[in-house]
Amino acid sequence: MKNLQDTDSNLGSLTSEKRNSFQFMTYENSKNKNISNVKLIAAIPCFNTQDHIADVVTKTKKYVDEVIVVDDGSSDKTADVARAAGARVISHNVNMGYGAAVKSCFAAFQNSAADILVIIDGDGQHDPDEIPLLLNPVTNNLADFVIGSRFITDLSNMPRYRKFGIGVITWLWNFGSKIKVTDTQSGFRVYKKNLLNDFELVENGMSLSIEILEKIRKHKPIFLEVPITCSYENNNGHLTQKAFFHGVSVACSVIKIRFKYAFKK
């Protein structure tokens, strides 16, 4: 059931700046005009999210025609809970990484009759009730690709180490580029189907988010970032060794990807 027209319109400004045929905008809200002939699906990459996935699926179903959950080799009951909540579940036999899960989301989208794809995390950090903020620019033909950015609004609830790490990764991607984004690592995104045609991706980890940006900007679409909220209630706020090495790995991948695509026509 699509319920985009019920979105509040008490926000309401659109600012834009053209950057090398690639429009960067921050879009706060608008009422959707006409989605009667547009098919929408949401895909949710998951790993061990049984405590959150039912709520995410239930809320997401209000705004799209179908919800697909990609269970990336979870050891808990993520798949069963998602299926019971009304999602179609695609399961990986083993944990292959966030990037591999997103690629399965893309494959399901490409093999469907849907026109627009929403990707949202299954761990409860994203608010599905903000889906219309990302969808409306696309369904109103104001954008081809939308990222929900955590860095447009207040970041007081984000752990400082995470804020620093994402900031470094985003700076590395923006460095020397005419196209700037505020949140390269956001997993809350909306895509038009034509953007993903002939779209070959090789990364399997979190660095896939960067590879997608590199691929997409070659198409010079109309791109928007919209402000979103993000919950970190289940994060203890402390930097772990695993998180540190993960951040370093993604940063190195950003450099590798930037160099790789810098020399491609």
C-alpha atoms as a PDB file:
ATOM      1  CA  MET A   1       0.000   0.000   0.000  1.00  0.00           C
ATOM      2  CA  LYS A   2       1.458   3.335  -1.056  1.00  0.00           C
ATOM      3  CA  ASN A   3       0.722   6.198   1.284  1.00  0.00           C
ATOM      4  CA  LEU A   4       3.045   8.931   0.063  1.00  0.00           C
ATOM      5  CA  GLN A   5       0.393  11.605  -0.184  1.00  0.00           C
ATOM      6  CA  ASP A   6      -0.073  11.606   3.586  1.00  0.00           C
ATOM      7  CA  THR A   7       3.395  13.026   4.174  1.00  0.00           C
ATOM      8  CA  ASP A   8       3.431  16.273   6.143  1.00  0.00           C
ATOM      9  CA  SER A   9       4.090  19.360   4.037  1.00  0.00           C
ATOM     10  CA  ASN A  10       5.146  21.663   6.840  1.00  0.00           C
ATOM     11  CA  LEU A  11       8.717  21.481   5.625  1.00  0.00           C
ATOM     12  CA  GLY A  12       8.944  22.613   2.072  1.00  0.00           C
ATOM     13  CA  SER A  13      11.958  24.001   0.326  1.00  0.00           C
ATOM     14  CA  LEU A  14      14.063  22.817  -2.543  1.00  0.00           C
ATOM     15  CA  THR A  15      17.525  24.244  -3.047  1.00  0.00           C
ATOM     16  CA  SER A  16      19.765  23.245  -5.901  1.00  0.00           C
ATOM     17  CA  GLU A  17      23.233  23.845  -7.223  1.00  0.00           C
ATOM     18  CA  LYS A  18      24.422  22.534 -10.565  1.00  0.00           C
ATOM     19  CA  ARG A  19      27.767  20.827 -10.476  1.00  0.00           C
ATOM     20  CA  ASN A  20      29.087  19.583 -13.817  1.00  0.00           C
ATOM     21  CA  SER A  21      25.702  18.425 -15.194  1.00  0.00           C
ATOM     22  CA  PHE A  22      25.066  16.570 -11.950  1.00  0.00           C
ATOM     23  CA  GLN A  23      22.548  18.313  -9.747  1.00  0.00           C
ATOM     24  CA  PHE A  24      23.181  18.336  -6.034  1.00  0.00           C
ATOM     25  CA  MET A  25      20.141  19.287  -4.007  1.00  0.00           C
ATOM     26  CA  THR A  26      18.760  19.142  -0.539  1.00  0.00           C
ATOM     27  CA  TYR A  27      15.071  18.426  -0.668  1.00  0.00           C
ATOM     28  CA  GLU A  28      13.030  18.632   2.483  1.00  0.00           C
ATOM     29  CA  ASN A  29       9.512  17.734   1.415  1.00  0.00           C
ATOM     30  CA  SER A  30       6.706  17.970  -1.114  1.00  0.00           C
ATOM     31  CA  LYS A  31       3.416  16.245  -1.651  1.00  0.00           C
ATOM     32  CA  ASN A  32       3.578  13.509  -4.225  1.00  0.00           C
ATOM     33  CA  LYS A  33       1.652  14.248  -7.420  1.00  0.00           C
ATOM     34  CA  ASN A  34       1.003  11.007  -9.271  1.00  0.00           C
ATOM     35  CA  ILE A  35       2.242   7.531  -8.441  1.00  0.00           C
ATOM     36  CA  SER A  36      -0.743   5.532  -9.642  1.00  0.00           C
ATOM     37  CA  ASN A  37       1.201   3.992 -12.535  1.00  0.00           C
ATOM     38  CA  VAL A  38       4.509   3.616 -10.722  1.00  0.00           C
ATOM     39  CA  LYS A  39       5.469   0.351  -9.037  1.00  0.00           C
ATOM     40  CA  LEU A  40       7.632   0.677  -5.949  1.00  0.00           C
ATOM     41  CA  ILE A  41       9.584  -1.977  -4.095  1.00  0.00           C
ATOM     42  CA  ALA A  42      11.777  -1.823  -1.016  1.00  0.00           C
ATOM     43  CA  ALA A  43      14.709  -4.139  -0.442  1.00  0.00           C
ATOM     44  CA  ILE A  44      16.276  -4.605   2.973  1.00  0.00           C
ATOM     45  CA  PRO A  45      19.773  -6.118   3.340  1.00  0.00           C
ATOM     46  CA  CYS A  46      19.951  -7.906   6.705  1.00  0.00           C
ATOM     47  CA  PHE A  47      22.291  -9.847   8.944  1.00  0.00           C
ATOM     48  CA  ASN A  48      21.079 -11.054  12.366  1.00  0.00           C
ATOM     49  CA  THR A  49      18.319  -8.456  12.712  1.00  0.00           C
ATOM     50  CA  GLN A  50      15.523 -10.628  14.131  1.00  0.00           C
ATOM     51  CA  ASP A  51      14.766  -8.102  16.891  1.00  0.00           C
ATOM     52  CA  HIS A  52      14.084  -5.252  14.433  1.00  0.00           C
ATOM     53  CA  ILE A  53      13.131  -6.650  11.057  1.00  0.00           C
ATOM     54  CA  ALA A  54       9.416  -7.210  11.731  1.00  0.00           C
ATOM     55  CA  ASP A  55       8.899  -3.565  12.670  1.00  0.00           C
ATOM     56  CA  VAL A  56      10.940  -2.346   9.681  1.00  0.00           C
ATOM     57  CA  VAL A  57       9.017  -4.558   7.236  1.00  0.00           C
ATOM     58  CA  THR A  58       5.609  -3.642   8.684  1.00  0.00           C
ATOM     59  CA  LYS A  59       6.274   0.098   8.487  1.00  0.00           C
ATOM     60  CA  THR A  60       7.908  -0.103   5.060  1.00  0.00           C
ATOM     61  CA  LYS A  61       4.924  -1.935   3.552  1.00  0.00           C
ATOM     62  CA  LYS A  62       2.837   1.222   3.967  1.00  0.00           C
ATOM     63  CA  TYR A  63       4.806   3.020   1.254  1.00  0.00           C
ATOM     64  CA  VAL A  64       5.670   0.394  -1.386  1.00  0.00           C
ATOM     65  CA  ASP A  65       4.047  -2.405  -3.362  1.00  0.00           C
ATOM     66  CA  GLU A  66       6.425  -5.122  -2.198  1.00  0.00           C
ATOM     67  CA  VAL A  67       9.094  -5.596   0.469  1.00  0.00           C
ATOM     68  CA  ILE A  68      12.043  -7.886  -0.177  1.00  0.00           C
ATOM     69  CA  VAL A  69      14.410  -8.914   2.609  1.00  0.00           C
ATOM     70  CA  VAL A  70      17.869 -10.206   1.672  1.00  0.00           C
ATOM     71  CA  ASP A  71      19.051 -12.329   4.584  1.00  0.00           C
ATOM     72  CA  ASP A  72      22.836 -12.430   4.360  1.00  0.00           C
ATOM     73  CA  GLY A  73      23.476 -15.764   6.079  1.00  0.00           C
ATOM     74  CA  SER A  74      21.998 -14.824   9.456  1.00  0.00           C
ATOM     75  CA  SER A  75      22.407 -17.271  12.330  1.00  0.00           C
ATOM     76  CA  ASP A  76      19.204 -16.087  14.023  1.00  0.00           C
ATOM     77  CA  LYS A  77      15.569 -16.089  12.884  1.00  0.00           C
ATOM     78  CA  THR A  78      15.778 -12.985  10.681  1.00  0.00           C
ATOM     79  CA  ALA A  79      14.383 -14.784   7.616  1.00  0.00           C
ATOM     80  CA  ASP A  80      11.463 -16.386   9.477  1.00  0.00           C
ATOM     81  CA  VAL A  81      10.503 -13.156  11.234  1.00  0.00           C
ATOM     82  CA  ALA A  82      10.698 -11.146   7.995  1.00  0.00           C
ATOM     83  CA  ARG A  83       8.583 -13.685   6.134  1.00  0.00           C
ATOM     84  CA  ALA A  84       5.965 -13.674   8.899  1.00  0.00           C
ATOM     85  CA  ALA A  85       5.830  -9.868   8.685  1.00  0.00           C
ATOM     86  CA  GLY A  86       4.930 -10.075   4.997  1.00  0.00           C
ATOM     87  CA  ALA A  87       8.263  -9.763   3.193  1.00  0.00           C
ATOM     88  CA  ARG A  88       9.559 -11.897   0.348  1.00  0.00           C
ATOM     89  CA  VAL A  89      12.841 -13.337   1.586  1.00  0.00           C
ATOM     90  CA  ILE A  90      15.975 -14.046  -0.418  1.00  0.00           C
ATOM     91  CA  SER A  91      18.568 -15.958   1.629  1.00  0.00           C
ATOM     92  CA  HIS A  92      22.328 -16.288   1.249  1.00  0.00           C
ATOM     93  CA  ASN A  93      23.598 -19.625   2.528  1.00  0.00           C
ATOM     94  CA  VAL A  94      26.579 -17.917   4.156  1.00  0.00           C
ATOM     95  CA  ASN A  95      27.386 -14.384   5.246  1.00  0.00           C
ATOM     96  CA  MET A  96      28.824 -12.706   2.156  1.00  0.00           C
ATOM     97  CA  GLY A  97      28.957  -9.085   3.308  1.00  0.00           C
ATOM     98  CA  TYR A  98      26.811  -5.955   3.075  1.00  0.00           C
ATOM     99  CA  GLY A  99      27.829  -5.264  -0.501  1.00  0.00           C
ATOM    100  CA  ALA A 100      26.825  -8.747  -1.633  1.00  0.00           C
ATOM    101  CA  ALA A 101      23.437  -8.311   0.062  1.00  0.00           C
ATOM    102  CA  VAL A 102      22.862  -4.991  -1.726  1.00  0.00           C
ATOM    103  CA  LYS A 103      23.804  -6.587  -5.044  1.00  0.00           C
ATOM    104  CA  SER A 104      21.132  -9.211  -4.403  1.00  0.00           C
ATOM    105  CA  CYS A 105      18.698  -6.347  -3.748  1.00  0.00           C
ATOM    106  CA  PHE A 106      19.615  -4.831  -7.117  1.00  0.00           C
ATOM    107  CA  ALA A 107      19.228  -8.195  -8.885  1.00  0.00           C
ATOM    108  CA  ALA A 108      15.750  -8.693  -7.408  1.00  0.00           C
ATOM    109  CA  PHE A 109      14.812  -5.173  -8.507  1.00  0.00           C
ATOM    110  CA  GLN A 110      16.093  -5.688 -12.044  1.00  0.00           C
ATOM    111  CA  ASN A 111      14.152  -8.936 -12.326  1.00  0.00           C
ATOM    112  CA  SER A 112      10.929  -7.305 -11.144  1.00  0.00           C
ATOM    113  CA  ALA A 113       8.371  -5.077 -12.870  1.00  0.00           C
ATOM    114  CA  ALA A 114       9.090  -2.266 -10.397  1.00  0.00           C
ATOM    115  CA  ASP A 115      10.150   1.192 -11.542  1.00  0.00           C
ATOM    116  CA  ILE A 116      11.725   2.482  -8.327  1.00  0.00           C
ATOM    117  CA  LEU A 117      13.772   0.802  -5.597  1.00  0.00           C
ATOM    118  CA  VAL A 118      14.070   1.847  -1.963  1.00  0.00           C
ATOM    119  CA  ILE A 119      16.938   0.372   0.033  1.00  0.00           C
ATOM    120  CA  ILE A 120      16.719   0.683   3.800  1.00  0.00           C
ATOM    121  CA  ASP A 121      18.662  -1.039   6.588  1.00  0.00           C
ATOM    122  CA  GLY A 122      16.977  -3.739   8.644  1.00  0.00           C
ATOM    123  CA  ASP A 123      18.590  -3.014  12.007  1.00  0.00           C
ATOM    124  CA  GLY A 124      16.184  -0.276  13.053  1.00  0.00           C
ATOM    125  CA  GLN A 125      18.577   2.645  12.569  1.00  0.00           C
ATOM    126  CA  HIS A 126      16.531   4.099   9.701  1.00  0.00           C
ATOM    127  CA  ASP A 127      12.947   5.265  10.151  1.00  0.00           C
ATOM    128  CA  PRO A 128      10.700   3.732   7.451  1.00  0.00           C
ATOM    129  CA  ASP A 129       8.228   6.570   7.961  1.00  0.00           C
ATOM    130  CA  GLU A 130      10.829   8.812   6.286  1.00  0.00           C
ATOM    131  CA  ILE A 131      10.603   6.787   3.055  1.00  0.00           C
ATOM    132  CA  PRO A 132       8.307   9.404   1.444  1.00  0.00           C
ATOM    133  CA  LEU A 133      11.009  12.050   1.922  1.00  0.00           C
ATOM    134  CA  LEU A 134      13.271  10.024  -0.372  1.00  0.00           C
ATOM    135  CA  LEU A 135      10.590   8.748  -2.741  1.00  0.00           C
ATOM    136  CA  ASN A 136       8.749  11.972  -3.473  1.00  0.00           C
ATOM    137  CA  PRO A 137      11.594  13.673  -5.400  1.00  0.00           C
ATOM    138  CA  VAL A 138      11.859  10.613  -7.660  1.00  0.00           C
ATOM    139  CA  THR A 139       8.132  10.083  -8.215  1.00  0.00           C
ATOM    140  CA  ASN A 140       7.790  13.816  -8.942  1.00  0.00           C
ATOM    141  CA  ASN A 141      10.610  13.576 -11.537  1.00  0.00           C
ATOM    142  CA  LEU A 142      12.855  15.883  -9.536  1.00  0.00           C
ATOM    143  CA  ALA A 143      15.580  13.261  -9.143  1.00  0.00           C
ATOM    144  CA  ASP A 144      16.861   9.949 -10.469  1.00  0.00           C
ATOM    145  CA  PHE A 145      18.776   8.965  -7.340  1.00  0.00           C
ATOM    146  CA  VAL A 146      18.305  10.028  -3.703  1.00  0.00           C
ATOM    147  CA  ILE A 147      20.430   9.499  -0.604  1.00  0.00           C
ATOM    148  CA  GLY A 148      19.122   9.957   2.916  1.00  0.00           C
ATOM    149  CA  SER A 149      21.891  11.955   4.603  1.00  0.00           C
ATOM    150  CA  ARG A 150      22.604  11.962   8.328  1.00  0.00           C
ATOM    151  CA  PHE A 151      24.874  14.981   7.940  1.00  0.00           C
ATOM    152  CA  ILE A 152      22.341  17.612   6.897  1.00  0.00           C
ATOM    153  CA  THR A 153      20.600  17.734  10.271  1.00  0.00           C
ATOM    154  CA  ASP A 154      21.631  17.448  13.926  1.00  0.00           C
ATOM    155  CA  LEU A 155      24.209  14.702  14.618  1.00  0.00           C
ATOM    156  CA  SER A 156      24.179  14.859  18.404  1.00  0.00           C
ATOM    157  CA  ASN A 157      23.052  11.234  18.765  1.00  0.00           C
ATOM    158  CA  MET A 158      25.760   9.812  16.477  1.00  0.00           C
ATOM    159  CA  PRO A 159      28.771   8.269  18.278  1.00  0.00           C
ATOM    160  CA  ARG A 160      31.771  10.521  17.780  1.00  0.00           C
ATOM    161  CA  TYR A 161      34.011   7.797  16.390  1.00  0.00           C
ATOM    162  CA  ARG A 162      31.376   6.941  13.781  1.00  0.00           C
ATOM    163  CA  LYS A 163      30.865  10.588  12.856  1.00  0.00           C
ATOM    164  CA  PHE A 164      34.642  11.007  12.452  1.00  0.00           C
ATOM    165  CA  GLY A 165      35.048   7.814  10.412  1.00  0.00           C
ATOM    166  CA  ILE A 166      32.195   8.551   8.017  1.00  0.00           C
ATOM    167  CA  GLY A 167      33.471  12.109   7.705  1.00  0.00           C
ATOM    168  CA  VAL A 168      36.931  10.886   6.674  1.00  0.00           C
ATOM    169  CA  ILE A 169      35.499   8.408   4.142  1.00  0.00           C
ATOM    170  CA  THR A 170      33.217  11.063   2.666  1.00  0.00           C
ATOM    171  CA  TRP A 171      36.098  13.575   2.482  1.00  0.00           C
ATOM    172  CA  LEU A 172      38.224  11.024   0.623  1.00  0.00           C
ATOM    173  CA  TRP A 173      35.459  10.503  -1.928  1.00  0.00           C
ATOM    174  CA  ASN A 174      34.780  14.231  -2.311  1.00  0.00           C
ATOM    175  CA  PHE A 175      38.474  15.179  -2.608  1.00  0.00           C
ATOM    176  CA  GLY A 176      39.224  16.448  -6.086  1.00  0.00           C
ATOM    177  CA  SER A 177      35.699  15.727  -7.255  1.00  0.00           C
ATOM    178  CA  LYS A 178      33.316  18.296  -8.719  1.00  0.00           C
ATOM    179  CA  ILE A 179      30.486  16.202  -7.308  1.00  0.00           C
ATOM    180  CA  LYS A 180      30.136  16.463  -3.538  1.00  0.00           C
ATOM    181  CA  VAL A 181      27.988  14.466  -1.147  1.00  0.00           C
ATOM    182  CA  THR A 182      27.561  14.771   2.610  1.00  0.00           C
ATOM    183  CA  ASP A 183      27.020  11.081   3.449  1.00  0.00           C
ATOM    184  CA  THR A 184      28.681   8.498   1.222  1.00  0.00           C
ATOM    185  CA  GLN A 185      27.978   5.645   3.648  1.00  0.00           C
ATOM    186  CA  SER A 186      24.234   6.033   4.062  1.00  0.00           C
ATOM    187  CA  GLY A 187      22.345   2.816   3.352  1.00  0.00           C
ATOM    188  CA  PHE A 188      19.026   4.640   2.940  1.00  0.00           C
ATOM    189  CA  ARG A 189      18.699   5.289  -0.809  1.00  0.00           C
ATOM    190  CA  VAL A 190      16.225   5.387  -3.706  1.00  0.00           C
ATOM    191  CA  TYR A 191      17.053   4.437  -7.309  1.00  0.00           C
ATOM    192  CA  LYS A 192      15.273   4.663 -10.641  1.00  0.00           C
ATOM    193  CA  LYS A 193      15.619   1.435 -12.585  1.00  0.00           C
ATOM    194  CA  ASN A 194      17.344   2.962 -15.625  1.00  0.00           C
ATOM    195  CA  LEU A 195      20.323   3.964 -13.458  1.00  0.00           C
ATOM    196  CA  LEU A 196      21.173   0.338 -12.763  1.00  0.00           C
ATOM    197  CA  ASN A 197      21.231  -0.865 -16.373  1.00  0.00           C
ATOM    198  CA  ASP A 198      24.597  -2.426 -17.326  1.00  0.00           C
ATOM    199  CA  PHE A 199      25.654  -1.905 -13.741  1.00  0.00           C
ATOM    200  CA  GLU A 200      28.464  -4.295 -12.820  1.00  0.00           C
ATOM    201  CA  LEU A 201      29.674  -4.105  -9.221  1.00  0.00           C
ATOM    202  CA  VAL A 202      32.592  -6.005  -7.691  1.00  0.00           C
ATOM    203  CA  GLU A 203      32.794  -4.846  -4.059  1.00  0.00           C
ATOM    204  CA  ASN A 204      31.166  -7.085  -1.422  1.00  0.00           C
ATOM    205  CA  GLY A 205      31.735  -5.025   1.726  1.00  0.00           C
ATOM    206  CA  MET A 206      30.639  -1.579   2.900  1.00  0.00           C
ATOM    207  CA  SER A 207      32.816  -0.029   0.196  1.00  0.00           C
ATOM    208  CA  LEU A 208      30.087  -0.979  -2.283  1.00  0.00           C
ATOM    209  CA  SER A 209      28.378   2.290  -1.296  1.00  0.00           C
ATOM    210  CA  ILE A 210      31.340   4.170  -2.787  1.00  0.00           C
ATOM    211  CA  GLU A 211      31.506   1.999  -5.899  1.00  0.00           C
ATOM    212  CA  ILE A 212      27.814   2.687  -6.555  1.00  0.00           C
ATOM    213  CA  LEU A 213      28.425   6.443  -6.351  1.00  0.00           C
ATOM    214  CA  GLU A 214      31.329   6.172  -8.788  1.00  0.00           C
ATOM    215  CA  LYS A 215      29.249   4.146 -11.247  1.00  0.00           C
ATOM    216  CA  ILE A 216      26.205   6.389 -10.974  1.00  0.00           C
ATOM    217  CA  ARG A 217      27.981   9.682 -11.457  1.00  0.00           C
ATOM    218  CA  LYS A 218      29.173   8.513 -14.864  1.00  0.00           C
ATOM    219  CA  HIS A 219      25.509   8.623 -15.925  1.00  0.00           C
ATOM    220  CA  LYS A 220      25.227  12.248 -14.718  1.00  0.00           C
ATOM    221  CA  PRO A 221      21.770  11.811 -13.203  1.00  0.00           C
ATOM    222  CA  ILE A 222      19.834  14.328 -11.178  1.00  0.00           C
ATOM    223  CA  PHE A 223      20.908  13.525  -7.648  1.00  0.00           C
ATOM    224  CA  LEU A 224      19.513  14.633  -4.318  1.00  0.00           C
ATOM    225  CA  GLU A 225      20.337  14.264  -0.673  1.00  0.00           C
ATOM    226  CA  VAL A 226      17.518  14.584   1.834  1.00  0.00           C
ATOM    227  CA  PRO A 227      17.891  14.949   5.599  1.00  0.00           C
ATOM    228  CA  ILE A 228      17.047  11.853   7.632  1.00  0.00           C
ATOM    229  CA  THR A 229      17.209  10.881  11.273  1.00  0.00           C
ATOM    230  CA  CYS A 230      19.101   7.835  12.506  1.00  0.00           C
ATOM    231  CA  SER A 231      18.802   5.851  15.736  1.00  0.00           C
ATOM    232  CA  TYR A 232      21.894   4.621  17.569  1.00  0.00           C
ATOM    233  CA  GLU A 233      20.112   3.240  20.630  1.00  0.00           C
ATOM    234  CA  ASN A 234      21.813  -0.146  20.321  1.00  0.00           C
ATOM    235  CA  ASN A 235      25.289   1.358  19.936  1.00  0.00           C
ATOM    236  CA  ASN A 236      27.409   1.630  23.073  1.00  0.00           C
ATOM    237  CA  GLY A 237      29.264   4.638  21.679  1.00  0.00           C
ATOM    238  CA  HIS A 238      32.718   3.093  22.125  1.00  0.00           C
ATOM    239  CA  LEU A 239      35.199   2.443  19.344  1.00  0.00           C
ATOM    240  CA  THR A 240      36.064  -1.247  19.137  1.00  0.00           C
ATOM    241  CA  GLN A 241      39.084  -2.770  17.443  1.00  0.00           C
ATOM    242  CA  LYS A 242      36.775  -4.368  14.876  1.00  0.00           C
ATOM    243  CA  ALA A 243      35.131  -1.017  14.096  1.00  0.00           C
ATOM    244  CA  PHE A 244      38.541   0.678  13.784  1.00  0.00           C
ATOM    245  CA  PHE A 245      39.927  -1.833  11.302  1.00  0.00           C
ATOM    246  CA  HIS A 246      36.633  -1.836   9.420  1.00  0.00           C
ATOM    247  CA  GLY A 247      36.870   1.945   9.014  1.00  0.00           C
ATOM    248  CA  VAL A 248      40.478   1.743   7.832  1.00  0.00           C
ATOM    249  CA  SER A 249      39.529  -0.970   5.339  1.00  0.00           C
ATOM    250  CA  VAL A 250      36.687   1.098   3.870  1.00  0.00           C
ATOM    251  CA  ALA A 251      38.915   4.202   3.676  1.00  0.00           C
ATOM    252  CA  CYS A 252      41.558   2.226   1.760  1.00  0.00           C
ATOM    253  CA  SER A 253      38.840   0.899  -0.544  1.00  0.00           C
ATOM    254  CA  VAL A 254      37.670   4.452  -1.256  1.00  0.00           C
ATOM    255  CA  ILE A 255      41.182   5.413  -2.372  1.00  0.00           C
ATOM    256  CA  LYS A 256      41.429   2.270  -4.522  1.00  0.00           C
ATOM    257  CA  ILE A 257      38.048   2.879  -6.153  1.00  0.00           C
ATOM    258  CA  ARG A 258      38.756   6.572  -6.799  1.00  0.00           C
ATOM    259  CA  PHE A 259      42.048   5.739  -8.508  1.00  0.00           C
ATOM    260  CA  LYS A 260      40.456   2.896 -10.471  1.00  0.00           C
ATOM    261  CA  TYR A 261      37.707   5.067 -11.932  1.00  0.00           C
ATOM    262  CA  ALA A 262      39.854   8.177 -12.323  1.00  0.00           C
ATOM    263  CA  PHE A 263      41.635   6.579 -15.247  1.00  0.00           C
ATOM    264  CA  LYS A 264      38.532   5.187 -16.903  1.00  0.00           C
ATOM    265  CA  LYS A 265      36.821   7.089 -19.662  1.00  0.00           C
END
